[in-house]
Amino acid sequence: MPAVKSGSRPPWLGLAAAVWVQVAAGAGYNFPLYSPALKSVMGYNQQQLTMLGVANDIGENFGMLPGVFCNRLPPWLVLLIGAASCFFGYGILWLAVGRTVVLMPYWALWIALCIATNSSAWLGTAVLVTNMRNFPFSRGTVAGILKGYIGLSAAVYTLVYIGVLNHSPSKLLLLLTLGLPVVCFTMMYFIRPCTPASEDDSSEHGHFLFTQIASVFLGLYLLTSTLLGSVLALSNTVTYILFGIMILLLLSPLAIPLKMTLCRKKMKKSGIPNPFSSSDQPSHFDQDKLEPLLAVSSSATNLSSFHESDDSTDVDTLLAEGEGAVQMSKKRKPKRGEDFRFLEALVKADFWLLFLCYFLGVGSGVTVLNNLAQIGTAAGVDDTTILLCLFSFCNFVGRLGGGSVSEYFVRSRMLPRSVWMAFTQMVMAVTYLLFALALNSTLYASTAVLGICYGVQFSVMVPTASELFGLKHFGIIYNFMLLGNPLGALLLSGIFAGFVYDKEAEKQGGATCLGPSCFGLTFLVLAGVCVLGSVLSVILTVRIRPVYQMLYSSGSFRLPRSSQH
């Protein structure tokens, strides 16, 4: 892969490519689609299957290594490692489900599943860190869009699974083994550091709005198509037409860089200077063009190479010279809102409060997600793929909406994003009570509401972590936060929910449990967990309110001066 000079093109092409990588990175959400086949082929009980679900979550969210290497390796190499994990991990699962290899030990499948889903951590870290740095003034919006697409990926895979693959778990695993690496190889060239987008770019809001609207249309289309495929017997021709339309909708973000390219050509023909020319260097800009770049932190402007270090880079030096002086690095502890090293963030109370709030919110949500097929079966639902698709769509709505809504209130009211974690976790607590009561006709509505609130946790945590602790070491800080997901899956799903389910199944004299008692106690515990999470989120909001008043006092994002050098 040839090295590309940063600043050679605007960052929108990388964002369009990131959409495809994020959909690929959502492969971990496929576990409910092939887990019944693993259970039947391998003869596992529910607790063994639930522990495989824990392996799924551990692999998907253990991103400490990607977090470290994203500052030392180019994004394309991080993507390449993720593609290799897909190939080897899902390849072993495919061999087991297809009975190509018989009597595969449980521990081997557990490790293979960790390796397979760990690809999501590598892929997600590469695209999220790169695009957050390329759009440093729109962190909430970017996080909402990218996290939204990864949330929508479950619906994409469900449509493919039902329509194209004819409900075949073996074919699905083969697709994950070979298809995901192909996507990475195709997109890795375009995901790279670019000139950070300027805050005063008048077209940026319209471009983000177009991307959000396109993703909403894709989500509605996937939900409708999946429901039609479950209710009606569609012919192969209709199925492939629906699949083709889905591909076109996934390509829609590409319209932005295409439009910018065409406009650039028109500008060249008319003799208007090209603002994105790679020959323009920051030192040649006039003062109005230089000021937006000087407002970007070192974590967003360290783009002159694919490697980052703790010392000042050439770009940092250039920006400091543009202000008239080069200041020596100060050996003092950073303040909230500046760039923290991982160990410096690790000793902060706000860091652990954010981690606990996220852990309690997503840990309870992933417990339902991992057991969604069994929850539907216990409630008498015949086709549980509809539940998965509904949860996926609403998860997407929560991620996209959480990013946009929190961005609006941050800029207009200086309201910390964590307040939305508090609000949605209270809603989640009420939803778990509805699940526990097992009232008629509330299963689908409860699943939808839970999906929205679950999605908000992701889109709020990501920009909050970057605003409190900076972008320079954001990769490892963000991935440490993600450990709340597998930790919740282990404690709440693997150990507790699986144990309760198997005990209830034994009382009924079979391996399958039916009725509200299967998960009743689990839902009551999850409601209590979310009440605690909401209280902690309120405490965090009160603590970090001064930080947001400092960062957004002018109505737009403003970094502390010390983080600009």
Protein backbone atom coordinates (compact mmCIF):
# COMPACT_ATOMS: atom_id res chain seq x y z
CA MET A 1 0.00 0.00 0.00
CA PRO A 2 1.62 3.25 -1.05
CA ALA A 3 1.89 6.03 1.47
CA VAL A 4 -0.50 8.89 0.94
CA LYS A 5 0.22 12.43 1.95
CA SER A 6 -2.25 13.73 4.46
CA GLY A 7 -4.32 16.54 3.10
CA SER A 8 -4.37 15.20 -0.47
CA ARG A 9 -8.17 14.97 -0.43
CA PRO A 10 -11.12 15.91 1.78
CA PRO A 11 -12.22 13.21 4.27
CA TRP A 12 -15.65 12.36 2.86
CA LEU A 13 -14.45 9.47 0.70
CA GLY A 14 -13.00 7.85 3.81
CA LEU A 15 -16.31 8.27 5.62
CA ALA A 16 -18.18 6.62 2.72
CA ALA A 17 -15.74 3.69 2.78
CA ALA A 18 -16.04 3.50 6.57
CA VAL A 19 -19.76 2.78 6.20
CA TRP A 20 -19.00 -0.52 4.46
CA VAL A 21 -16.31 -1.45 6.97
CA GLN A 22 -18.68 -0.71 9.85
CA VAL A 23 -21.33 -2.98 8.36
CA ALA A 24 -18.68 -5.68 8.06
CA ALA A 25 -17.59 -5.00 11.66
CA GLY A 26 -21.12 -5.82 12.85
CA ALA A 27 -20.54 -9.52 12.19
CA GLY A 28 -20.68 -10.15 15.95
CA TYR A 29 -24.41 -9.40 15.87
CA ASN A 30 -24.92 -12.54 13.78
CA PHE A 31 -24.50 -14.85 16.77
CA PRO A 32 -28.28 -15.32 17.27
CA LEU A 33 -28.55 -16.43 13.61
CA TYR A 34 -26.11 -19.33 13.80
CA SER A 35 -26.13 -20.07 17.55
CA PRO A 36 -29.10 -22.52 17.29
CA ALA A 37 -27.09 -24.52 14.72
CA LEU A 38 -24.06 -24.59 17.05
CA LYS A 39 -26.30 -25.77 19.89
CA SER A 40 -27.88 -28.60 17.89
CA VAL A 41 -24.79 -29.75 15.98
CA MET A 42 -22.50 -29.73 19.02
CA GLY A 43 -25.13 -30.83 21.55
CA TYR A 44 -24.64 -27.87 23.93
CA ASN A 45 -26.99 -26.79 26.72
CA GLN A 46 -28.17 -23.20 27.14
CA GLN A 47 -25.44 -22.20 29.61
CA GLN A 48 -22.73 -23.53 27.28
CA LEU A 49 -24.31 -21.61 24.43
CA THR A 50 -24.55 -18.49 26.58
CA MET A 51 -20.85 -18.76 27.40
CA LEU A 52 -20.17 -18.88 23.67
CA GLY A 53 -22.16 -15.65 23.53
CA VAL A 54 -19.76 -14.27 26.12
CA ALA A 55 -16.85 -15.26 23.86
CA ASN A 56 -18.65 -13.43 21.06
CA ASP A 57 -18.82 -10.26 23.15
CA ILE A 58 -15.29 -10.54 24.54
CA GLY A 59 -13.81 -10.84 21.06
CA GLU A 60 -15.97 -8.07 19.65
CA ASN A 61 -15.12 -5.57 22.36
CA PHE A 62 -11.58 -6.44 23.42
CA GLY A 63 -9.86 -3.70 21.49
CA MET A 64 -6.88 -2.81 23.67
CA LEU A 65 -4.42 -4.09 21.05
CA PRO A 66 -6.14 -2.23 18.19
CA GLY A 67 -6.28 0.83 20.43
CA VAL A 68 -2.51 0.74 20.94
CA PHE A 69 -1.61 -0.11 17.35
CA CYS A 70 -3.89 2.50 15.76
CA ASN A 71 -1.27 5.09 16.83
CA ARG A 72 1.62 3.01 15.49
CA LEU A 73 0.27 1.39 12.31
CA PRO A 74 -1.45 2.86 9.25
CA PRO A 75 -5.21 2.29 9.14
CA TRP A 76 -4.93 -0.12 6.18
CA LEU A 77 -2.68 -2.44 8.19
CA VAL A 78 -5.09 -2.40 11.15
CA LEU A 79 -7.85 -3.35 8.70
CA LEU A 80 -5.68 -6.13 7.30
CA ILE A 81 -5.27 -7.66 10.76
CA GLY A 82 -9.04 -7.55 11.20
CA ALA A 83 -9.57 -9.28 7.86
CA ALA A 84 -7.18 -12.08 8.90
CA SER A 85 -9.11 -12.54 12.16
CA CYS A 86 -12.35 -12.91 10.15
CA PHE A 87 -10.85 -15.53 7.89
CA PHE A 88 -9.34 -17.77 10.57
CA GLY A 89 -12.01 -17.39 13.27
CA TYR A 90 -15.16 -17.72 11.20
CA GLY A 91 -13.45 -20.35 9.05
CA ILE A 92 -13.13 -22.66 12.08
CA LEU A 93 -16.78 -22.06 13.02
CA TRP A 94 -17.81 -22.87 9.45
CA LEU A 95 -15.90 -26.15 9.57
CA ALA A 96 -17.68 -27.08 12.81
CA VAL A 97 -21.24 -26.18 11.78
CA GLY A 98 -20.80 -27.77 8.36
CA ARG A 99 -19.52 -30.98 10.08
CA THR A 100 -16.35 -30.85 7.99
CA VAL A 101 -14.46 -31.30 11.25
CA VAL A 102 -16.28 -33.47 13.79
CA LEU A 103 -15.80 -33.61 17.56
CA MET A 104 -14.21 -30.17 17.74
CA PRO A 105 -13.57 -29.41 21.45
CA TYR A 106 -15.62 -26.73 23.16
CA TRP A 107 -12.56 -24.66 24.11
CA ALA A 108 -11.42 -24.56 20.47
CA LEU A 109 -14.77 -23.15 19.35
CA TRP A 110 -14.71 -20.65 22.20
CA ILE A 111 -11.28 -19.35 21.16
CA ALA A 112 -12.24 -19.36 17.47
CA LEU A 113 -15.29 -17.27 18.23
CA CYS A 114 -13.14 -14.79 20.19
CA ILE A 115 -10.73 -14.50 17.25
CA ALA A 116 -13.55 -14.16 14.72
CA THR A 117 -15.41 -11.39 16.51
CA ASN A 118 -12.21 -9.63 17.56
CA SER A 119 -12.02 -8.60 13.91
CA SER A 120 -14.81 -6.12 14.75
CA ALA A 121 -12.51 -4.39 17.23
CA TRP A 122 -9.75 -3.98 14.63
CA LEU A 123 -12.11 -2.81 11.89
CA GLY A 124 -14.14 -0.50 14.12
CA THR A 125 -11.08 1.09 15.73
CA ALA A 126 -9.43 1.79 12.37
CA VAL A 127 -12.42 3.60 10.89
CA LEU A 128 -13.68 5.33 14.04
CA VAL A 129 -10.35 6.76 15.19
CA THR A 130 -9.41 7.86 11.66
CA ASN A 131 -12.74 9.58 10.99
CA MET A 132 -12.98 11.18 14.44
CA ARG A 133 -9.61 12.81 13.73
CA ASN A 134 -10.67 13.76 10.21
CA PHE A 135 -13.82 15.45 11.59
CA PRO A 136 -12.64 16.79 14.99
CA PHE A 137 -15.40 19.41 15.25
CA SER A 138 -18.30 16.98 14.63
CA ARG A 139 -17.41 14.12 16.94
CA GLY A 140 -20.95 13.35 18.12
CA THR A 141 -22.34 13.32 14.59
CA VAL A 142 -19.54 11.15 13.21
CA ALA A 143 -19.77 8.73 16.13
CA GLY A 144 -23.54 8.52 15.69
CA ILE A 145 -23.29 7.79 11.97
CA LEU A 146 -20.55 5.16 12.22
CA LYS A 147 -21.98 3.51 15.31
CA GLY A 148 -25.39 3.67 13.64
CA TYR A 149 -24.23 1.69 10.64
CA ILE A 150 -22.60 -0.97 12.78
CA GLY A 151 -25.87 -1.23 14.68
CA LEU A 152 -27.74 -1.54 11.41
CA SER A 153 -25.45 -4.32 10.24
CA ALA A 154 -27.51 -6.98 12.05
CA ALA A 155 -30.48 -6.09 9.83
CA VAL A 156 -28.24 -6.22 6.74
CA TYR A 157 -27.03 -9.71 7.65
CA THR A 158 -30.55 -10.82 8.56
CA LEU A 159 -31.87 -9.79 5.13
CA VAL A 160 -29.00 -11.62 3.44
CA TYR A 161 -29.51 -14.64 5.70
CA ILE A 162 -33.24 -14.91 5.04
CA GLY A 163 -33.32 -13.97 1.36
CA VAL A 164 -30.03 -14.85 -0.30
CA LEU A 165 -28.72 -17.63 1.96
CA ASN A 166 -32.10 -19.33 2.59
CA HIS A 167 -31.70 -19.57 6.38
CA SER A 168 -28.44 -21.53 6.09
CA PRO A 169 -26.08 -20.98 9.07
CA SER A 170 -23.29 -22.76 7.20
CA LYS A 171 -23.56 -20.40 4.21
CA LEU A 172 -23.67 -17.42 6.56
CA LEU A 173 -20.42 -18.46 8.24
CA LEU A 174 -18.82 -19.00 4.83
CA LEU A 175 -19.89 -15.48 3.84
CA LEU A 176 -18.28 -14.09 7.00
CA THR A 177 -15.12 -16.12 6.35
CA LEU A 178 -14.58 -14.92 2.79
CA GLY A 179 -16.83 -11.91 2.24
CA LEU A 180 -15.64 -9.68 5.07
CA PRO A 181 -11.94 -9.85 4.10
CA VAL A 182 -12.93 -8.89 0.54
CA VAL A 183 -14.73 -5.78 1.87
CA CYS A 184 -11.64 -4.83 3.90
CA PHE A 185 -9.28 -5.29 0.95
CA THR A 186 -11.56 -3.13 -1.20
CA MET A 187 -11.98 -0.28 1.26
CA MET A 188 -8.64 -0.13 3.08
CA TYR A 189 -7.04 2.19 0.49
CA PHE A 190 -9.62 4.93 1.12
CA ILE A 191 -9.58 4.96 4.94
CA ARG A 192 -6.62 7.15 5.80
CA PRO A 193 -5.77 10.43 7.54
CA CYS A 194 -6.85 13.54 5.64
CA THR A 195 -6.86 17.27 6.22
CA PRO A 196 -9.23 17.73 9.20
CA ALA A 197 -12.55 19.20 8.18
CA SER A 198 -12.93 22.87 9.10
CA GLU A 199 -15.65 23.90 11.53
CA ASP A 200 -16.72 26.82 9.33
CA ASP A 201 -17.31 24.61 6.29
CA SER A 202 -20.84 25.62 5.26
CA SER A 203 -21.42 22.41 3.30
CA GLU A 204 -20.51 20.04 6.14
CA HIS A 205 -23.89 20.17 7.85
CA GLY A 206 -25.67 19.37 4.59
CA HIS A 207 -23.34 16.47 3.88
CA PHE A 208 -23.87 14.98 7.32
CA LEU A 209 -27.62 15.45 6.99
CA PHE A 210 -27.62 13.65 3.64
CA THR A 211 -25.67 10.73 5.14
CA GLN A 212 -28.05 10.50 8.09
CA ILE A 213 -31.14 10.59 5.88
CA ALA A 214 -29.66 7.93 3.60
CA SER A 215 -28.96 5.70 6.61
CA VAL A 216 -32.53 6.14 7.87
CA PHE A 217 -33.91 5.14 4.47
CA LEU A 218 -31.63 2.09 4.53
CA GLY A 219 -32.85 1.15 8.01
CA LEU A 220 -36.52 1.46 7.06
CA TYR A 221 -35.92 -0.47 3.88
CA LEU A 222 -34.17 -3.31 5.73
CA LEU A 223 -36.92 -3.53 8.32
CA THR A 224 -39.64 -3.60 5.66
CA SER A 225 -37.82 -6.11 3.46
CA THR A 226 -37.14 -8.47 6.36
CA LEU A 227 -40.77 -8.38 7.46
CA LEU A 228 -41.94 -9.06 3.90
CA GLY A 229 -39.49 -11.93 3.57
CA SER A 230 -40.76 -13.46 6.80
CA VAL A 231 -44.46 -13.11 5.97
CA LEU A 232 -44.52 -13.69 2.19
CA ALA A 233 -42.93 -16.36 0.03
CA LEU A 234 -40.80 -14.20 -2.25
CA SER A 235 -39.34 -15.55 -5.47
CA ASN A 236 -35.60 -15.64 -6.05
CA THR A 237 -35.89 -12.81 -8.57
CA VAL A 238 -37.65 -10.52 -6.09
CA THR A 239 -35.16 -11.46 -3.38
CA TYR A 240 -32.17 -10.52 -5.50
CA ILE A 241 -33.83 -7.24 -6.53
CA LEU A 242 -34.32 -6.39 -2.86
CA PHE A 243 -30.68 -7.27 -2.23
CA GLY A 244 -29.55 -5.02 -5.12
CA ILE A 245 -31.52 -2.07 -3.76
CA MET A 246 -29.85 -2.59 -0.37
CA ILE A 247 -26.42 -2.41 -2.04
CA LEU A 248 -27.36 0.87 -3.75
CA LEU A 249 -28.50 2.37 -0.44
CA LEU A 250 -25.20 1.32 1.16
CA LEU A 251 -23.39 3.11 -1.66
CA SER A 252 -25.35 6.35 -1.18
CA PRO A 253 -22.73 8.10 1.05
CA LEU A 254 -20.40 7.87 -1.94
CA ALA A 255 -22.52 10.59 -3.56
CA ILE A 256 -20.83 13.25 -1.40
CA PRO A 257 -17.22 12.72 -2.59
CA LEU A 258 -18.51 12.25 -6.15
CA LYS A 259 -20.30 15.59 -5.97
CA MET A 260 -17.21 17.28 -4.51
CA THR A 261 -15.03 15.78 -7.24
CA LEU A 262 -17.36 17.00 -10.00
CA CYS A 263 -17.57 20.46 -8.44
CA ARG A 264 -13.80 20.57 -8.18
CA LYS A 265 -13.47 19.82 -11.89
CA LYS A 266 -15.90 22.61 -12.69
CA MET A 267 -13.88 24.98 -10.51
CA LYS A 268 -10.69 24.05 -12.35
CA LYS A 269 -12.33 24.66 -15.73
CA SER A 270 -13.61 28.06 -14.63
CA GLY A 271 -10.22 29.07 -13.21
CA ILE A 272 -11.33 29.14 -9.54
CA PRO A 273 -8.57 28.03 -7.15
CA ASN A 274 -9.08 24.53 -5.75
CA PRO A 275 -9.30 24.64 -1.92
CA PHE A 276 -8.47 20.93 -1.67
CA SER A 277 -5.35 20.93 -3.82
CA SER A 278 -2.59 18.85 -2.32
CA SER A 279 -0.07 21.51 -3.32
CA ASP A 280 -1.59 23.96 -0.84
CA GLN A 281 0.29 23.78 2.42
CA PRO A 282 -0.87 25.33 5.70
CA SER A 283 2.01 27.81 5.56
CA HIS A 284 0.61 29.22 2.30
CA PHE A 285 -2.87 29.81 3.69
CA ASP A 286 -3.98 33.28 4.59
CA GLN A 287 -4.87 34.02 8.20
CA ASP A 288 -8.58 33.11 7.79
CA LYS A 289 -7.66 29.70 6.42
CA LEU A 290 -5.01 29.07 9.04
CA GLU A 291 -7.13 29.78 12.11
CA PRO A 292 -9.42 26.70 11.78
CA LEU A 293 -6.36 24.47 11.54
CA LEU A 294 -4.79 26.07 14.59
CA ALA A 295 -7.92 25.27 16.57
CA VAL A 296 -7.49 21.54 16.07
CA SER A 297 -5.74 19.59 18.80
CA SER A 298 -2.54 17.70 18.24
CA SER A 299 -4.56 14.49 18.21
CA ALA A 300 -6.47 15.68 15.18
CA THR A 301 -3.63 17.24 13.24
CA ASN A 302 -0.91 14.68 13.67
CA LEU A 303 -1.40 13.48 10.13
CA SER A 304 1.93 13.92 8.42
CA SER A 305 2.69 10.22 8.81
CA PHE A 306 1.02 7.04 9.84
CA HIS A 307 2.95 6.97 13.12
CA GLU A 308 2.30 8.97 16.27
CA SER A 309 4.55 9.52 19.26
CA ASP A 310 4.36 11.38 22.51
CA ASP A 311 6.75 14.04 21.23
CA SER A 312 5.70 17.04 19.15
CA THR A 313 5.32 16.15 15.48
CA ASP A 314 6.28 18.16 12.42
CA VAL A 315 2.67 19.19 11.95
CA ASP A 316 2.42 20.33 15.57
CA THR A 317 5.60 22.38 15.10
CA LEU A 318 4.27 23.90 11.88
CA LEU A 319 1.04 24.95 13.55
CA ALA A 320 2.91 26.43 16.51
CA GLU A 321 5.15 28.40 14.14
CA GLY A 322 2.05 29.69 12.40
CA GLU A 323 1.02 31.26 15.71
CA GLY A 324 4.43 32.88 16.04
CA ALA A 325 6.23 30.71 18.54
CA VAL A 326 7.21 27.17 19.36
CA GLN A 327 6.58 26.34 22.98
CA MET A 328 8.35 23.63 24.90
CA SER A 329 6.18 20.79 26.10
CA LYS A 330 5.08 21.32 29.65
CA LYS A 331 5.54 18.51 32.09
CA ARG A 332 2.28 18.90 33.89
CA LYS A 333 -0.78 16.75 34.26
CA PRO A 334 -3.44 17.46 31.63
CA LYS A 335 -6.77 18.99 32.54
CA ARG A 336 -10.10 17.52 31.47
CA GLY A 337 -10.67 18.36 27.83
CA GLU A 338 -6.98 18.05 26.94
CA ASP A 339 -5.11 15.06 25.55
CA PHE A 340 -4.59 12.37 28.20
CA ARG A 341 -2.35 9.37 28.00
CA PHE A 342 -4.12 6.14 28.89
CA LEU A 343 -2.47 5.81 32.31
CA GLU A 344 -3.22 9.44 33.09
CA ALA A 345 -6.91 8.91 32.29
CA LEU A 346 -6.98 5.66 34.24
CA VAL A 347 -6.57 7.42 37.59
CA LYS A 348 -9.40 9.90 37.01
CA ALA A 349 -12.76 9.48 38.75
CA ASP A 350 -14.63 10.68 35.65
CA PHE A 351 -13.01 7.89 33.63
CA TRP A 352 -14.35 5.20 35.94
CA LEU A 353 -17.74 6.85 36.30
CA LEU A 354 -18.11 6.87 32.51
CA PHE A 355 -16.96 3.25 32.37
CA LEU A 356 -19.47 2.14 35.04
CA CYS A 357 -22.34 4.03 33.39
CA TYR A 358 -21.53 2.43 30.05
CA PHE A 359 -21.01 -1.03 31.60
CA LEU A 360 -24.38 -1.01 33.37
CA GLY A 361 -26.24 0.23 30.28
CA VAL A 362 -24.75 -1.95 27.57
CA GLY A 363 -24.16 -4.91 29.90
CA SER A 364 -27.87 -5.20 30.59
CA GLY A 365 -28.74 -4.62 26.93
CA VAL A 366 -26.32 -7.23 25.59
CA THR A 367 -27.83 -9.77 28.00
CA VAL A 368 -31.13 -9.42 26.16
CA LEU A 369 -29.43 -9.38 22.75
CA ASN A 370 -27.49 -12.59 23.41
CA ASN A 371 -30.64 -14.36 24.59
CA LEU A 372 -33.09 -12.74 22.16
CA ALA A 373 -33.83 -15.95 20.27
CA GLN A 374 -34.56 -17.83 23.51
CA ILE A 375 -36.61 -14.89 24.87
CA GLY A 376 -38.76 -14.98 21.75
CA THR A 377 -39.16 -18.76 21.93
CA ALA A 378 -40.14 -18.57 25.61
CA ALA A 379 -42.78 -15.98 24.69
CA GLY A 380 -44.18 -18.22 21.92
CA VAL A 381 -42.69 -16.40 18.90
CA ASP A 382 -42.16 -18.70 15.92
CA ASP A 383 -39.74 -16.58 13.87
CA THR A 384 -37.27 -14.88 16.18
CA THR A 385 -35.34 -13.31 13.28
CA ILE A 386 -38.01 -10.58 13.21
CA LEU A 387 -37.10 -9.70 16.79
CA LEU A 388 -33.43 -9.50 15.85
CA CYS A 389 -34.18 -7.27 12.86
CA LEU A 390 -36.39 -5.00 14.98
CA PHE A 391 -33.76 -4.72 17.69
CA SER A 392 -31.11 -3.98 15.05
CA PHE A 393 -33.12 -1.20 13.42
CA CYS A 394 -33.97 0.45 16.73
CA ASN A 395 -30.37 0.05 17.89
CA PHE A 396 -29.39 1.95 14.74
CA VAL A 397 -31.98 4.68 15.45
CA GLY A 398 -30.63 5.05 18.98
CA ARG A 399 -27.03 5.33 17.82
CA LEU A 400 -27.77 7.79 15.03
CA GLY A 401 -30.25 9.83 17.04
CA GLY A 402 -28.14 9.78 20.20
CA GLY A 403 -25.18 11.28 18.34
CA SER A 404 -27.23 14.00 16.64
CA VAL A 405 -29.40 14.94 19.63
CA SER A 406 -26.49 15.07 22.05
CA GLU A 407 -24.52 17.18 19.54
CA TYR A 408 -27.38 19.68 19.30
CA PHE A 409 -27.81 20.11 23.05
CA VAL A 410 -24.07 20.23 23.64
CA ARG A 411 -23.75 23.21 21.30
CA SER A 412 -26.99 24.99 22.22
CA ARG A 413 -27.18 24.32 25.98
CA MET A 414 -23.69 23.04 26.86
CA LEU A 415 -25.50 19.97 28.22
CA PRO A 416 -23.13 17.04 28.86
CA ARG A 417 -23.89 14.03 26.70
CA SER A 418 -24.00 11.74 29.74
CA VAL A 419 -27.42 13.12 30.65
CA TRP A 420 -28.82 11.01 27.80
CA MET A 421 -27.28 7.91 29.34
CA ALA A 422 -29.16 8.70 32.56
CA PHE A 423 -32.46 9.24 30.75
CA THR A 424 -32.29 6.16 28.53
CA GLN A 425 -31.22 3.86 31.36
CA MET A 426 -34.32 4.86 33.31
CA VAL A 427 -36.39 3.99 30.24
CA MET A 428 -34.52 0.67 30.01
CA ALA A 429 -35.42 -0.11 33.63
CA VAL A 430 -39.12 0.36 32.85
CA THR A 431 -38.74 -1.76 29.71
CA TYR A 432 -37.20 -4.65 31.67
CA LEU A 433 -40.18 -4.55 34.02
CA LEU A 434 -42.47 -4.91 31.00
CA PHE A 435 -40.39 -7.90 29.83
CA ALA A 436 -40.68 -9.46 33.30
CA LEU A 437 -44.46 -8.98 33.45
CA ALA A 438 -44.78 -10.67 30.01
CA LEU A 439 -47.90 -8.70 29.15
CA ASN A 440 -49.65 -9.58 25.91
CA SER A 441 -48.56 -7.67 22.80
CA THR A 442 -45.69 -5.86 24.55
CA LEU A 443 -42.78 -8.03 23.39
CA TYR A 444 -42.15 -6.24 20.09
CA ALA A 445 -42.67 -2.76 21.54
CA SER A 446 -40.37 -3.52 24.48
CA THR A 447 -37.72 -4.89 22.11
CA ALA A 448 -37.93 -1.74 19.98
CA VAL A 449 -37.62 0.65 22.94
CA LEU A 450 -34.76 -1.35 24.41
CA GLY A 451 -32.93 -1.30 21.07
CA ILE A 452 -33.14 2.51 20.89
CA CYS A 453 -31.90 3.02 24.45
CA TYR A 454 -29.14 0.43 23.98
CA GLY A 455 -27.92 2.27 20.88
CA VAL A 456 -27.79 5.62 22.67
CA GLN A 457 -25.23 4.25 25.15
CA PHE A 458 -22.70 3.74 22.32
CA SER A 459 -23.16 7.04 20.51
CA VAL A 460 -22.95 9.01 23.78
CA MET A 461 -19.94 7.23 25.29
CA VAL A 462 -17.69 7.66 22.24
CA PRO A 463 -17.68 11.48 21.91
CA THR A 464 -17.83 11.93 25.71
CA ALA A 465 -14.58 9.98 26.10
CA SER A 466 -12.92 12.05 23.36
CA GLU A 467 -14.09 15.37 24.85
CA LEU A 468 -12.92 14.52 28.37
CA PHE A 469 -9.61 12.85 27.47
CA GLY A 470 -8.73 14.07 23.95
CA LEU A 471 -8.15 12.39 20.61
CA LYS A 472 -4.42 11.70 20.72
CA HIS A 473 -4.78 8.43 22.65
CA PHE A 474 -8.47 8.03 21.97
CA GLY A 475 -8.05 4.58 20.40
CA ILE A 476 -6.93 2.82 23.57
CA ILE A 477 -9.21 4.85 25.88
CA TYR A 478 -12.25 4.13 23.73
CA ASN A 479 -11.45 0.43 23.50
CA PHE A 480 -10.99 0.15 27.26
CA MET A 481 -14.48 1.61 27.65
CA LEU A 482 -15.77 -1.05 25.27
CA LEU A 483 -14.71 -3.74 27.77
CA GLY A 484 -17.89 -2.88 29.64
CA ASN A 485 -19.81 -4.82 27.00
CA PRO A 486 -18.14 -8.26 27.39
CA LEU A 487 -17.87 -7.77 31.15
CA GLY A 488 -21.62 -7.26 31.29
CA ALA A 489 -22.15 -10.24 29.01
CA LEU A 490 -20.02 -12.44 31.27
CA LEU A 491 -21.56 -11.43 34.59
CA LEU A 492 -25.18 -10.76 33.62
CA SER A 493 -25.67 -13.03 30.62
CA GLY A 494 -23.18 -15.89 30.85
CA ILE A 495 -23.20 -16.50 34.58
CA PHE A 496 -26.60 -15.24 35.72
CA ALA A 497 -29.13 -15.37 32.85
CA GLY A 498 -27.88 -18.70 31.47
CA PHE A 499 -27.99 -20.30 34.94
CA VAL A 500 -31.54 -19.10 35.62
CA TYR A 501 -32.73 -20.30 32.20
CA ASP A 502 -31.26 -23.80 32.59
CA LYS A 503 -32.77 -24.16 36.07
CA GLU A 504 -36.21 -23.25 34.77
CA ALA A 505 -35.76 -25.63 31.81
CA GLU A 506 -34.91 -28.47 34.23
CA LYS A 507 -38.11 -27.78 36.16
CA GLN A 508 -40.04 -28.14 32.89
CA GLY A 509 -38.25 -31.40 32.12
CA GLY A 510 -36.51 -30.37 28.88
CA ALA A 511 -33.70 -28.39 27.30
CA THR A 512 -36.04 -25.61 26.13
CA CYS A 513 -37.79 -23.30 28.58
CA LEU A 514 -41.21 -21.80 27.85
CA GLY A 515 -43.10 -19.07 29.68
CA PRO A 516 -42.29 -15.84 31.56
CA SER A 517 -40.43 -17.65 34.34
CA CYS A 518 -37.48 -18.39 31.99
CA PHE A 519 -36.17 -14.82 32.19
CA GLY A 520 -38.44 -13.20 34.79
CA LEU A 521 -35.84 -12.97 37.55
CA THR A 522 -33.18 -11.89 35.04
CA PHE A 523 -35.28 -8.95 33.87
CA LEU A 524 -35.92 -7.77 37.44
CA VAL A 525 -32.18 -7.77 38.14
CA LEU A 526 -31.49 -5.89 34.89
CA ALA A 527 -34.04 -3.24 35.89
CA GLY A 528 -32.17 -2.68 39.15
CA VAL A 529 -28.86 -2.50 37.28
CA CYS A 530 -30.18 0.27 35.02
CA VAL A 531 -31.55 2.27 37.95
CA LEU A 532 -28.04 2.25 39.45
CA GLY A 533 -26.56 3.20 36.07
CA SER A 534 -28.94 6.14 35.78
CA VAL A 535 -27.95 7.46 39.21
CA LEU A 536 -24.25 7.23 38.35
CA SER A 537 -24.88 8.98 35.02
CA VAL A 538 -26.49 11.91 36.84
CA ILE A 539 -23.45 12.16 39.14
CA LEU A 540 -21.13 12.13 36.11
CA THR A 541 -23.21 14.81 34.39
CA VAL A 542 -22.93 17.14 37.37
CA ARG A 543 -19.17 16.58 37.61
CA ILE A 544 -18.34 17.26 33.96
CA ARG A 545 -20.74 20.16 33.35
CA PRO A 546 -17.90 22.73 33.81
CA VAL A 547 -15.86 20.93 31.14
CA TYR A 548 -18.63 21.33 28.58
CA GLN A 549 -19.14 24.97 29.57
CA MET A 550 -15.45 25.51 28.81
CA LEU A 551 -15.44 23.58 25.52
CA TYR A 552 -18.72 24.92 24.10
CA SER A 553 -19.10 28.34 25.71
CA SER A 554 -18.93 30.03 22.30
CA GLY A 555 -21.57 27.73 20.78
CA SER A 556 -18.96 25.71 18.91
CA PHE A 557 -16.23 23.31 19.91
CA ARG A 558 -13.16 25.03 21.35
CA LEU A 559 -10.11 23.17 22.60
CA PRO A 560 -8.01 24.40 25.53
CA ARG A 561 -4.95 26.30 24.33
CA SER A 562 -2.57 23.88 26.00
CA SER A 563 -3.85 20.98 23.92
CA GLN A 564 -3.06 22.76 20.68
CA HIS A 565 0.73 22.49 21.09
